[in-house]
């Protein structure tokens, strides 16, 4: 099995490292999801498709689910049983808070 670091290019030319000695796959996926939400690549209300993301990043659904749970903990997505995960709709205050934290 090849353990080399892979840079995957998304349709928007965003790159994500899916294998890195410093971060786990779930940590890298968490970073990608947060950036994609903040940058608008995953707009408010959009569904997060586990099978699609797992295929895109060539990872199993375990690390992906862990990443989704982390992003849910940050308050950026909501998971509804038997429905799935969706990006939350942001209030103006929440957007300002996100950008303030990002600048740190």
PDB file of N, CA and C in Angstrom:
ATOM      1  N   UNK A   1       0.833  -1.180   0.000  1.00  0.00           N
ATOM      2  CA  UNK A   1       0.000   0.000   0.000  1.00  0.00           C
ATOM      3  C   UNK A   1       0.878   1.244   0.000  1.00  0.00           C
ATOM      4  N   UNK A   2       0.585   2.182  -0.847  1.00  0.00           N
ATOM      5  CA  UNK A   2       1.361   3.399  -0.953  1.00  0.00           C
ATOM      6  C   UNK A   2       0.979   4.355   0.163  1.00  0.00           C
ATOM      7  N   UNK A   3       1.968   4.746   0.983  1.00  0.00           N
ATOM      8  CA  UNK A   3       1.688   5.651   2.092  1.00  0.00           C
ATOM      9  C   UNK A   3       2.145   7.071   1.791  1.00  0.00           C
ATOM     10  N   UNK A   4       2.429   7.358   0.543  1.00  0.00           N
ATOM     11  CA  UNK A   4       2.859   8.705   0.174  1.00  0.00           C
ATOM     12  C   UNK A   4       1.749   9.712   0.434  1.00  0.00           C
ATOM     13  N   UNK A   5       2.159  10.930   0.650  1.00  0.00           N
ATOM     14  CA  UNK A   5       1.189  12.003   0.877  1.00  0.00           C
ATOM     15  C   UNK A   5       0.509  12.319  -0.441  1.00  0.00           C
ATOM     16  N   UNK A   6      -0.811  12.450  -0.390  1.00  0.00           N
ATOM     17  CA  UNK A   6      -1.581  12.759  -1.590  1.00  0.00           C
ATOM     18  C   UNK A   6      -2.188  14.141  -1.454  1.00  0.00           C
ATOM     19  N   UNK A   7      -2.014  14.968  -2.467  1.00  0.00           N
ATOM     20  CA  UNK A   7      -2.732  16.225  -2.557  1.00  0.00           C
ATOM     21  C   UNK A   7      -3.848  16.003  -3.555  1.00  0.00           C
ATOM     22  N   UNK A   8      -5.075  16.163  -3.120  1.00  0.00           N
ATOM     23  CA  UNK A   8      -6.216  15.982  -4.004  1.00  0.00           C
ATOM     24  C   UNK A   8      -6.769  17.338  -4.384  1.00  0.00           C
ATOM     25  N   UNK A   9      -7.023  17.515  -5.669  1.00  0.00           N
ATOM     26  CA  UNK A   9      -7.572  18.767  -6.144  1.00  0.00           C
ATOM     27  C   UNK A   9      -9.062  18.614  -6.313  1.00  0.00           C
ATOM     28  N   UNK A  10      -9.818  19.524  -5.722  1.00  0.00           N
ATOM     29  CA  UNK A  10     -11.267  19.516  -5.838  1.00  0.00           C
ATOM     30  C   UNK A  10     -11.660  20.258  -7.101  1.00  0.00           C
ATOM     31  N   UNK A  11     -12.949  20.252  -7.393  1.00  0.00           N
ATOM     32  CA  UNK A  11     -13.436  20.940  -8.579  1.00  0.00           C
ATOM     33  C   UNK A  11     -13.131  22.433  -8.526  1.00  0.00           C
ATOM     34  N   UNK A  12     -12.929  22.977  -7.343  1.00  0.00           N
ATOM     35  CA  UNK A  12     -12.626  24.405  -7.205  1.00  0.00           C
ATOM     36  C   UNK A  12     -11.127  24.636  -7.045  1.00  0.00           C
ATOM     37  N   UNK A  13     -10.330  23.633  -7.379  1.00  0.00           N
ATOM     38  CA  UNK A  13      -8.875  23.693  -7.274  1.00  0.00           C
ATOM     39  C   UNK A  13      -8.383  23.876  -5.844  1.00  0.00           C
ATOM     40  N   UNK A  14      -9.185  23.480  -4.865  1.00  0.00           N
ATOM     41  CA  UNK A  14      -8.767  23.478  -3.475  1.00  0.00           C
ATOM     42  C   UNK A  14      -8.045  22.165  -3.220  1.00  0.00           C
ATOM     43  N   UNK A  15      -6.905  22.231  -2.565  1.00  0.00           N
ATOM     44  CA  UNK A  15      -6.163  21.006  -2.283  1.00  0.00           C
ATOM     45  C   UNK A  15      -6.294  20.645  -0.818  1.00  0.00           C
ATOM     46  N   UNK A  16      -6.326  19.349  -0.561  1.00  0.00           N
ATOM     47  CA  UNK A  16      -6.367  18.852   0.812  1.00  0.00           C
ATOM     48  C   UNK A  16      -5.389  17.694   0.909  1.00  0.00           C
ATOM     49  N   UNK A  17      -4.668  17.660   1.981  1.00  0.00           N
ATOM     50  CA  UNK A  17      -3.774  16.541   2.221  1.00  0.00           C
ATOM     51  C   UNK A  17      -4.557  15.491   2.980  1.00  0.00           C
ATOM     52  N   UNK A  18      -4.630  14.284   2.446  1.00  0.00           N
ATOM     53  CA  UNK A  18      -5.381  13.238   3.117  1.00  0.00           C
ATOM     54  C   UNK A  18      -4.481  12.309   3.915  1.00  0.00           C
ATOM     55  N   UNK A  19      -3.200  12.469   3.807  1.00  0.00           N
ATOM     56  CA  UNK A  19      -2.284  11.668   4.598  1.00  0.00           C
ATOM     57  C   UNK A  19      -1.109  12.552   4.988  1.00  0.00           C
ATOM     58  N   UNK A  20      -0.866  12.676   6.258  1.00  0.00           N
ATOM     59  CA  UNK A  20       0.169  13.565   6.739  1.00  0.00           C
ATOM     60  C   UNK A  20       0.651  13.023   8.078  1.00  0.00           C
ATOM     61  N   UNK A  21       1.959  13.054   8.289  1.00  0.00           N
ATOM     62  CA  UNK A  21       2.496  12.533   9.541  1.00  0.00           C
ATOM     63  C   UNK A  21       2.029  13.350  10.741  1.00  0.00           C
ATOM     64  N   UNK A  22       1.781  14.635  10.551  1.00  0.00           N
ATOM     65  CA  UNK A  22       1.410  15.500  11.660  1.00  0.00           C
ATOM     66  C   UNK A  22      -0.074  15.427  11.994  1.00  0.00           C
ATOM     67  N   UNK A  23      -0.929  15.189  11.013  1.00  0.00           N
ATOM     68  CA  UNK A  23      -2.371  15.169  11.222  1.00  0.00           C
ATOM     69  C   UNK A  23      -2.956  13.836  10.778  1.00  0.00           C
ATOM     70  N   UNK A  24      -4.033  13.452  11.422  1.00  0.00           N
ATOM     71  CA  UNK A  24      -4.738  12.249  11.003  1.00  0.00           C
ATOM     72  C   UNK A  24      -5.651  12.589   9.834  1.00  0.00           C
ATOM     73  N   UNK A  25      -6.168  11.570   9.188  1.00  0.00           N
ATOM     74  CA  UNK A  25      -7.101  11.792   8.083  1.00  0.00           C
ATOM     75  C   UNK A  25      -8.318  12.574   8.551  1.00  0.00           C
ATOM     76  N   UNK A  26      -8.833  12.216   9.720  1.00  0.00           N
ATOM     77  CA  UNK A  26     -10.028  12.916  10.205  1.00  0.00           C
ATOM     78  C   UNK A  26      -9.721  14.378  10.510  1.00  0.00           C
ATOM     79  N   UNK A  27      -8.521  14.679  11.006  1.00  0.00           N
ATOM     80  CA  UNK A  27      -8.152  16.078  11.254  1.00  0.00           C
ATOM     81  C   UNK A  27      -8.058  16.858   9.948  1.00  0.00           C
ATOM     82  N   UNK A  28      -7.471  16.243   8.929  1.00  0.00           N
ATOM     83  CA  UNK A  28      -7.372  16.904   7.627  1.00  0.00           C
ATOM     84  C   UNK A  28      -8.746  17.108   7.007  1.00  0.00           C
ATOM     85  N   UNK A  29      -9.608  16.121   7.131  1.00  0.00           N
ATOM     86  CA  UNK A  29     -10.968  16.261   6.607  1.00  0.00           C
ATOM     87  C   UNK A  29     -11.737  17.329   7.369  1.00  0.00           C
ATOM     88  N   UNK A  30     -11.518  17.413   8.675  1.00  0.00           N
ATOM     89  CA  UNK A  30     -12.158  18.458   9.477  1.00  0.00           C
ATOM     90  C   UNK A  30     -11.739  19.831   8.969  1.00  0.00           C
ATOM     91  N   UNK A  31     -10.442  20.014   8.751  1.00  0.00           N
ATOM     92  CA  UNK A  31      -9.939  21.289   8.239  1.00  0.00           C
ATOM     93  C   UNK A  31     -10.573  21.614   6.891  1.00  0.00           C
ATOM     94  N   UNK A  32     -10.658  20.617   6.010  1.00  0.00           N
ATOM     95  CA  UNK A  32     -11.263  20.847   4.702  1.00  0.00           C
ATOM     96  C   UNK A  32     -12.722  21.277   4.847  1.00  0.00           C
ATOM     97  N   UNK A  33     -13.491  20.554   5.658  1.00  0.00           N
ATOM     98  CA  UNK A  33     -14.916  20.868   5.809  1.00  0.00           C
ATOM     99  C   UNK A  33     -15.116  22.274   6.359  1.00  0.00           C
ATOM    100  N   UNK A  34     -14.332  22.650   7.359  1.00  0.00           N
ATOM    101  CA  UNK A  34     -14.449  23.994   7.930  1.00  0.00           C
ATOM    102  C   UNK A  34     -14.137  25.039   6.863  1.00  0.00           C
ATOM    103  N   UNK A  35     -13.038  24.854   6.139  1.00  0.00           N
ATOM    104  CA  UNK A  35     -12.667  25.812   5.089  1.00  0.00           C
ATOM    105  C   UNK A  35     -13.726  25.876   3.993  1.00  0.00           C
ATOM    106  N   UNK A  36     -14.242  24.723   3.595  1.00  0.00           N
ATOM    107  CA  UNK A  36     -15.252  24.687   2.534  1.00  0.00           C
ATOM    108  C   UNK A  36     -16.527  25.405   2.961  1.00  0.00           C
ATOM    109  N   UNK A  37     -16.888  25.284   4.225  1.00  0.00           N
ATOM    110  CA  UNK A  37     -18.088  25.966   4.729  1.00  0.00           C
ATOM    111  C   UNK A  37     -17.843  27.468   4.806  1.00  0.00           C
ATOM    112  N   UNK A  38     -16.720  27.862   5.380  1.00  0.00           N
ATOM    113  CA  UNK A  38     -16.411  29.282   5.546  1.00  0.00           C
ATOM    114  C   UNK A  38     -16.240  29.972   4.193  1.00  0.00           C
ATOM    115  N   UNK A  39     -15.635  29.281   3.228  1.00  0.00           N
ATOM    116  CA  UNK A  39     -15.403  29.864   1.904  1.00  0.00           C
ATOM    117  C   UNK A  39     -16.621  29.795   0.999  1.00  0.00           C
ATOM    118  N   UNK A  40     -17.675  29.125   1.431  1.00  0.00           N
ATOM    119  CA  UNK A  40     -18.894  29.052   0.631  1.00  0.00           C
ATOM    120  C   UNK A  40     -18.933  27.922  -0.373  1.00  0.00           C
ATOM    121  N   UNK A  41     -17.896  27.078  -0.391  1.00  0.00           N
ATOM    122  CA  UNK A  41     -17.906  25.922  -1.289  1.00  0.00           C
ATOM    123  C   UNK A  41     -19.027  24.959  -0.895  1.00  0.00           C
ATOM    124  N   UNK A  42     -19.274  24.860   0.404  1.00  0.00           N
ATOM    125  CA  UNK A  42     -20.425  24.124   0.929  1.00  0.00           C
ATOM    126  C   UNK A  42     -21.379  25.170   1.494  1.00  0.00           C
ATOM    127  N   UNK A  43     -22.342  25.621   0.704  1.00  0.00           N
ATOM    128  CA  UNK A  43     -23.212  26.718   1.135  1.00  0.00           C
ATOM    129  C   UNK A  43     -24.183  26.300   2.236  1.00  0.00           C
ATOM    130  N   UNK A  44     -24.723  27.280   2.969  1.00  0.00           N
ATOM    131  CA  UNK A  44     -25.704  26.987   4.020  1.00  0.00           C
ATOM    132  C   UNK A  44     -26.866  26.166   3.476  1.00  0.00           C
ATOM    133  N   UNK A  45     -27.246  25.152   4.237  1.00  0.00           N
ATOM    134  CA  UNK A  45     -28.351  24.290   3.848  1.00  0.00           C
ATOM    135  C   UNK A  45     -27.955  23.114   2.981  1.00  0.00           C
ATOM    136  N   UNK A  46     -26.701  23.086   2.502  1.00  0.00           N
ATOM    137  CA  UNK A  46     -26.298  21.985   1.620  1.00  0.00           C
ATOM    138  C   UNK A  46     -26.076  20.708   2.421  1.00  0.00           C
ATOM    139  N   UNK A  47     -26.401  19.581   1.787  1.00  0.00           N
ATOM    140  CA  UNK A  47     -26.260  18.267   2.413  1.00  0.00           C
ATOM    141  C   UNK A  47     -24.812  17.819   2.302  1.00  0.00           C
ATOM    142  N   UNK A  48     -24.316  17.200   3.351  1.00  0.00           N
ATOM    143  CA  UNK A  48     -22.970  16.640   3.351  1.00  0.00           C
ATOM    144  C   UNK A  48     -23.114  15.156   3.038  1.00  0.00           C
ATOM    145  N   UNK A  49     -22.670  14.756   1.877  1.00  0.00           N
ATOM    146  CA  UNK A  49     -22.806  13.374   1.437  1.00  0.00           C
ATOM    147  C   UNK A  49     -21.573  12.568   1.843  1.00  0.00           C
ATOM    148  N   UNK A  50     -21.747  11.670   2.815  1.00  0.00           N
ATOM    149  CA  UNK A  50     -20.628  10.832   3.259  1.00  0.00           C
ATOM    150  C   UNK A  50     -20.063   9.981   2.128  1.00  0.00           C
ATOM    151  N   UNK A  51     -20.906   9.268   1.366  1.00  0.00           N
ATOM    152  CA  UNK A  51     -20.342   8.436   0.299  1.00  0.00           C
ATOM    153  C   UNK A  51     -19.561   9.245  -0.741  1.00  0.00           C
ATOM    154  N   UNK A  52     -20.068  10.417  -1.089  1.00  0.00           N
ATOM    155  CA  UNK A  52     -19.400  11.251  -2.089  1.00  0.00           C
ATOM    156  C   UNK A  52     -18.047  11.745  -1.589  1.00  0.00           C
ATOM    157  N   UNK A  53     -18.008  12.245  -0.355  1.00  0.00           N
ATOM    158  CA  UNK A  53     -16.749  12.740   0.200  1.00  0.00           C
ATOM    159  C   UNK A  53     -15.750  11.607   0.427  1.00  0.00           C
ATOM    160  N   UNK A  54     -16.223  10.458   0.887  1.00  0.00           N
ATOM    161  CA  UNK A  54     -15.331   9.312   1.097  1.00  0.00           C
ATOM    162  C   UNK A  54     -14.694   8.882  -0.222  1.00  0.00           C
ATOM    163  N   UNK A  55     -15.475   8.880  -1.275  1.00  0.00           N
ATOM    164  CA  UNK A  55     -14.950   8.512  -2.594  1.00  0.00           C
ATOM    165  C   UNK A  55     -13.986   9.579  -3.101  1.00  0.00           C
ATOM    166  N   UNK A  56     -14.352  10.840  -2.945  1.00  0.00           N
ATOM    167  CA  UNK A  56     -13.527  11.944  -3.443  1.00  0.00           C
ATOM    168  C   UNK A  56     -12.146  11.944  -2.804  1.00  0.00           C
ATOM    169  N   UNK A  57     -12.082  11.684  -1.484  1.00  0.00           N
ATOM    170  CA  UNK A  57     -10.816  11.747  -0.771  1.00  0.00           C
ATOM    171  C   UNK A  57     -10.177  10.385  -0.534  1.00  0.00           C
ATOM    172  N   UNK A  58     -10.809   9.348  -1.078  1.00  0.00           N
ATOM    173  CA  UNK A  58     -10.276   7.987  -0.974  1.00  0.00           C
ATOM    174  C   UNK A  58     -10.006   7.604   0.481  1.00  0.00           C
ATOM    175  N   UNK A  59     -10.998   7.844   1.331  1.00  0.00           N
ATOM    176  CA  UNK A  59     -10.904   7.471   2.745  1.00  0.00           C
ATOM    177  C   UNK A  59     -12.126   6.640   3.105  1.00  0.00           C
ATOM    178  N   UNK A  60     -12.004   5.888   4.185  1.00  0.00           N
ATOM    179  CA  UNK A  60     -13.167   5.142   4.656  1.00  0.00           C
ATOM    180  C   UNK A  60     -14.121   6.110   5.346  1.00  0.00           C
ATOM    181  N   UNK A  61     -15.316   5.646   5.596  1.00  0.00           N
ATOM    182  CA  UNK A  61     -16.315   6.532   6.183  1.00  0.00           C
ATOM    183  C   UNK A  61     -16.079   6.780   7.672  1.00  0.00           C
ATOM    184  N   UNK A  62     -15.262   5.960   8.318  1.00  0.00           N
ATOM    185  CA  UNK A  62     -14.961   6.165   9.739  1.00  0.00           C
ATOM    186  C   UNK A  62     -14.300   7.509  10.016  1.00  0.00           C
ATOM    187  N   UNK A  63     -13.139   7.798   9.381  1.00  0.00           N
ATOM    188  CA  UNK A  63     -12.508   9.104   9.599  1.00  0.00           C
ATOM    189  C   UNK A  63     -13.397  10.265   9.147  1.00  0.00           C
ATOM    190  N   UNK A  64     -14.177  10.035   8.108  1.00  0.00           N
ATOM    191  CA  UNK A  64     -15.080  11.077   7.620  1.00  0.00           C
ATOM    192  C   UNK A  64     -16.170  11.373   8.649  1.00  0.00           C
ATOM    193  N   UNK A  65     -16.725  10.329   9.235  1.00  0.00           N
ATOM    194  CA  UNK A  65     -17.754  10.529  10.268  1.00  0.00           C
ATOM    195  C   UNK A  65     -17.176  11.256  11.480  1.00  0.00           C
ATOM    196  N   UNK A  66     -15.946  10.914  11.832  1.00  0.00           N
ATOM    197  CA  UNK A  66     -15.290  11.596  12.949  1.00  0.00           C
ATOM    198  C   UNK A  66     -15.117  13.082  12.629  1.00  0.00           C
ATOM    199  N   UNK A  67     -14.717  13.391  11.402  1.00  0.00           N
ATOM    200  CA  UNK A  67     -14.560  14.790  10.985  1.00  0.00           C
ATOM    201  C   UNK A  67     -15.896  15.522  11.027  1.00  0.00           C
ATOM    202  N   UNK A  68     -16.953  14.869  10.569  1.00  0.00           N
ATOM    203  CA  UNK A  68     -18.283  15.487  10.585  1.00  0.00           C
ATOM    204  C   UNK A  68     -18.712  15.771  12.020  1.00  0.00           C
ATOM    205  N   UNK A  69     -18.421  14.841  12.935  1.00  0.00           N
ATOM    206  CA  UNK A  69     -18.768  15.065  14.344  1.00  0.00           C
ATOM    207  C   UNK A  69     -17.998  16.255  14.917  1.00  0.00           C
ATOM    208  N   UNK A  70     -16.734  16.405  14.519  1.00  0.00           N
ATOM    209  CA  UNK A  70     -15.938  17.544  14.993  1.00  0.00           C
ATOM    210  C   UNK A  70     -16.516  18.864  14.484  1.00  0.00           C
ATOM    211  N   UNK A  71     -16.888  18.884  13.211  1.00  0.00           N
ATOM    212  CA  UNK A  71     -17.442  20.109  12.630  1.00  0.00           C
ATOM    213  C   UNK A  71     -18.801  20.409  13.253  1.00  0.00           C
ATOM    214  N   UNK A  72     -19.548  19.367  13.571  1.00  0.00           N
ATOM    215  CA  UNK A  72     -20.819  19.558  14.272  1.00  0.00           C
ATOM    216  C   UNK A  72     -20.560  20.195  15.639  1.00  0.00           C
ATOM    217  N   UNK A  73     -19.506  19.750  16.311  1.00  0.00           N
ATOM    218  CA  UNK A  73     -19.139  20.316  17.603  1.00  0.00           C
ATOM    219  C   UNK A  73     -18.764  21.790  17.516  1.00  0.00           C
ATOM    220  N   UNK A  74     -18.281  22.211  16.357  1.00  0.00           N
ATOM    221  CA  UNK A  74     -17.954  23.621  16.136  1.00  0.00           C
ATOM    222  C   UNK A  74     -19.193  24.450  15.814  1.00  0.00           C
ATOM    223  N   UNK A  75     -20.316  23.765  15.611  1.00  0.00           N
ATOM    224  CA  UNK A  75     -21.561  24.466  15.329  1.00  0.00           C
ATOM    225  C   UNK A  75     -21.742  24.872  13.879  1.00  0.00           C
ATOM    226  N   UNK A  76     -20.983  24.233  12.966  1.00  0.00           N
ATOM    227  CA  UNK A  76     -21.079  24.598  11.553  1.00  0.00           C
ATOM    228  C   UNK A  76     -22.035  23.712  10.766  1.00  0.00           C
ATOM    229  N   UNK A  77     -22.290  22.526  11.284  1.00  0.00           N
ATOM    230  CA  UNK A  77     -23.246  21.631  10.632  1.00  0.00           C
ATOM    231  C   UNK A  77     -24.170  21.052  11.694  1.00  0.00           C
ATOM    232  N   UNK A  78     -25.278  20.517  11.227  1.00  0.00           N
ATOM    233  CA  UNK A  78     -26.189  19.810  12.127  1.00  0.00           C
ATOM    234  C   UNK A  78     -26.446  18.430  11.543  1.00  0.00           C
ATOM    235  N   UNK A  79     -26.504  17.455  12.419  1.00  0.00           N
ATOM    236  CA  UNK A  79     -26.816  16.086  11.993  1.00  0.00           C
ATOM    237  C   UNK A  79     -28.188  15.735  12.511  1.00  0.00           C
ATOM    238  N   UNK A  80     -29.010  15.242  11.603  1.00  0.00           N
ATOM    239  CA  UNK A  80     -30.367  14.842  11.954  1.00  0.00           C
ATOM    240  C   UNK A  80     -30.474  13.343  11.695  1.00  0.00           C
ATOM    241  N   UNK A  81     -30.875  12.558  12.711  1.00  0.00           N
ATOM    242  CA  UNK A  81     -30.991  11.107  12.523  1.00  0.00           C
ATOM    243  C   UNK A  81     -31.884  10.759  11.330  1.00  0.00           C
ATOM    244  N   UNK A  82     -31.435   9.798  10.554  1.00  0.00           N
ATOM    245  CA  UNK A  82     -32.150   9.273   9.388  1.00  0.00           C
ATOM    246  C   UNK A  82     -32.290  10.295   8.261  1.00  0.00           C
ATOM    247  N   UNK A  83     -31.641  11.444   8.391  1.00  0.00           N
ATOM    248  CA  UNK A  83     -31.657  12.462   7.335  1.00  0.00           C
ATOM    249  C   UNK A  83     -30.238  12.731   6.861  1.00  0.00           C
ATOM    250  N   UNK A  84     -29.317  12.962   7.784  1.00  0.00           N
ATOM    251  CA  UNK A  84     -27.931  13.229   7.434  1.00  0.00           C
ATOM    252  C   UNK A  84     -27.454  14.552   7.987  1.00  0.00           C
ATOM    253  N   UNK A  85     -26.315  14.973   7.484  1.00  0.00           N
ATOM    254  CA  UNK A  85     -25.697  16.215   7.946  1.00  0.00           C
ATOM    255  C   UNK A  85     -25.915  17.315   6.922  1.00  0.00           C
ATOM    256  N   UNK A  86     -26.161  18.512   7.425  1.00  0.00           N
ATOM    257  CA  UNK A  86     -26.353  19.698   6.579  1.00  0.00           C
ATOM    258  C   UNK A  86     -25.584  20.867   7.181  1.00  0.00           C
ATOM    259  N   UNK A  87     -25.128  21.742   6.291  1.00  0.00           N
ATOM    260  CA  UNK A  87     -24.471  22.972   6.729  1.00  0.00           C
ATOM    261  C   UNK A  87     -25.545  23.879   7.315  1.00  0.00           C
ATOM    262  N   UNK A  88     -25.259  24.453   8.472  1.00  0.00           N
ATOM    263  CA  UNK A  88     -26.256  25.322   9.106  1.00  0.00           C
ATOM    264  C   UNK A  88     -26.367  26.637   8.344  1.00  0.00           C
ATOM    265  N   UNK A  89     -27.493  27.304   8.524  1.00  0.00           N
ATOM    266  CA  UNK A  89     -27.679  28.644   7.979  1.00  0.00           C
ATOM    267  C   UNK A  89     -27.167  29.619   9.021  1.00  0.00           C
ATOM    268  N   UNK A  90     -26.291  30.509   8.612  1.00  0.00           N
ATOM    269  CA  UNK A  90     -25.624  31.407   9.544  1.00  0.00           C
ATOM    270  C   UNK A  90     -26.390  32.702   9.748  1.00  0.00           C
ATOM    271  N   UNK A  91     -26.408  33.157  10.990  1.00  0.00           N
ATOM    272  CA  UNK A  91     -26.908  34.497  11.286  1.00  0.00           C
ATOM    273  C   UNK A  91     -25.754  35.470  11.047  1.00  0.00           C
ATOM    274  N   UNK A  92     -26.048  36.742  10.969  1.00  0.00           N
ATOM    275  CA  UNK A  92     -25.003  37.752  10.770  1.00  0.00           C
ATOM    276  C   UNK A  92     -23.989  37.709  11.913  1.00  0.00           C
ATOM    277  N   UNK A  93     -24.461  37.525  13.140  1.00  0.00           N
ATOM    278  CA  UNK A  93     -23.562  37.461  14.294  1.00  0.00           C
ATOM    279  C   UNK A  93     -22.626  36.261  14.217  1.00  0.00           C
ATOM    280  N   UNK A  94     -23.158  35.124  13.796  1.00  0.00           N
ATOM    281  CA  UNK A  94     -22.343  33.910  13.679  1.00  0.00           C
ATOM    282  C   UNK A  94     -21.271  34.085  12.606  1.00  0.00           C
ATOM    283  N   UNK A  95     -21.616  34.720  11.487  1.00  0.00           N
ATOM    284  CA  UNK A  95     -20.634  34.973  10.435  1.00  0.00           C
ATOM    285  C   UNK A  95     -19.511  35.876  10.935  1.00  0.00           C
ATOM    286  N   UNK A  96     -19.859  36.929  11.646  1.00  0.00           N
ATOM    287  CA  UNK A  96     -18.836  37.819  12.194  1.00  0.00           C
ATOM    288  C   UNK A  96     -17.931  37.078  13.171  1.00  0.00           C
ATOM    289  N   UNK A  97     -18.522  36.218  13.980  1.00  0.00           N
ATOM    290  CA  UNK A  97     -17.751  35.421  14.935  1.00  0.00           C
ATOM    291  C   UNK A  97     -16.785  34.488  14.207  1.00  0.00           C
ATOM    292  N   UNK A  98     -17.252  33.841  13.145  1.00  0.00           N
ATOM    293  CA  UNK A  98     -16.402  32.938  12.371  1.00  0.00           C
ATOM    294  C   UNK A  98     -15.214  33.668  11.768  1.00  0.00           C
ATOM    295  N   UNK A  99     -15.464  34.817  11.165  1.00  0.00           N
ATOM    296  CA  UNK A  99     -14.374  35.559  10.549  1.00  0.00           C
ATOM    297  C   UNK A  99     -13.415  36.120  11.587  1.00  0.00           C
ATOM    298  N   UNK A 100     -13.907  36.501  12.755  1.00  0.00           N
ATOM    299  CA  UNK A 100     -13.038  36.988  13.825  1.00  0.00           C
ATOM    300  C   UNK A 100     -12.117  35.874  14.303  1.00  0.00           C
ATOM    301  N   UNK A 101     -12.646  34.685  14.460  1.00  0.00           N
ATOM    302  CA  UNK A 101     -11.844  33.538  14.890  1.00  0.00           C
ATOM    303  C   UNK A 101     -10.836  33.168  13.813  1.00  0.00           C
ATOM    304  N   UNK A 102     -11.230  33.233  12.560  1.00  0.00           N
ATOM    305  CA  UNK A 102     -10.340  32.894  11.452  1.00  0.00           C
ATOM    306  C   UNK A 102      -9.139  33.817  11.382  1.00  0.00           C
ATOM    307  N   UNK A 103      -9.314  35.078  11.754  1.00  0.00           N
ATOM    308  CA  UNK A 103      -8.222  36.042  11.685  1.00  0.00           C
ATOM    309  C   UNK A 103      -7.163  35.793  12.745  1.00  0.00           C
ATOM    310  N   UNK A 104      -7.511  35.070  13.797  1.00  0.00           N
ATOM    311  CA  UNK A 104      -6.544  34.773  14.859  1.00  0.00           C
ATOM    312  C   UNK A 104      -5.568  33.800  14.334  1.00  0.00           C
TER     313      UNK A 104
END
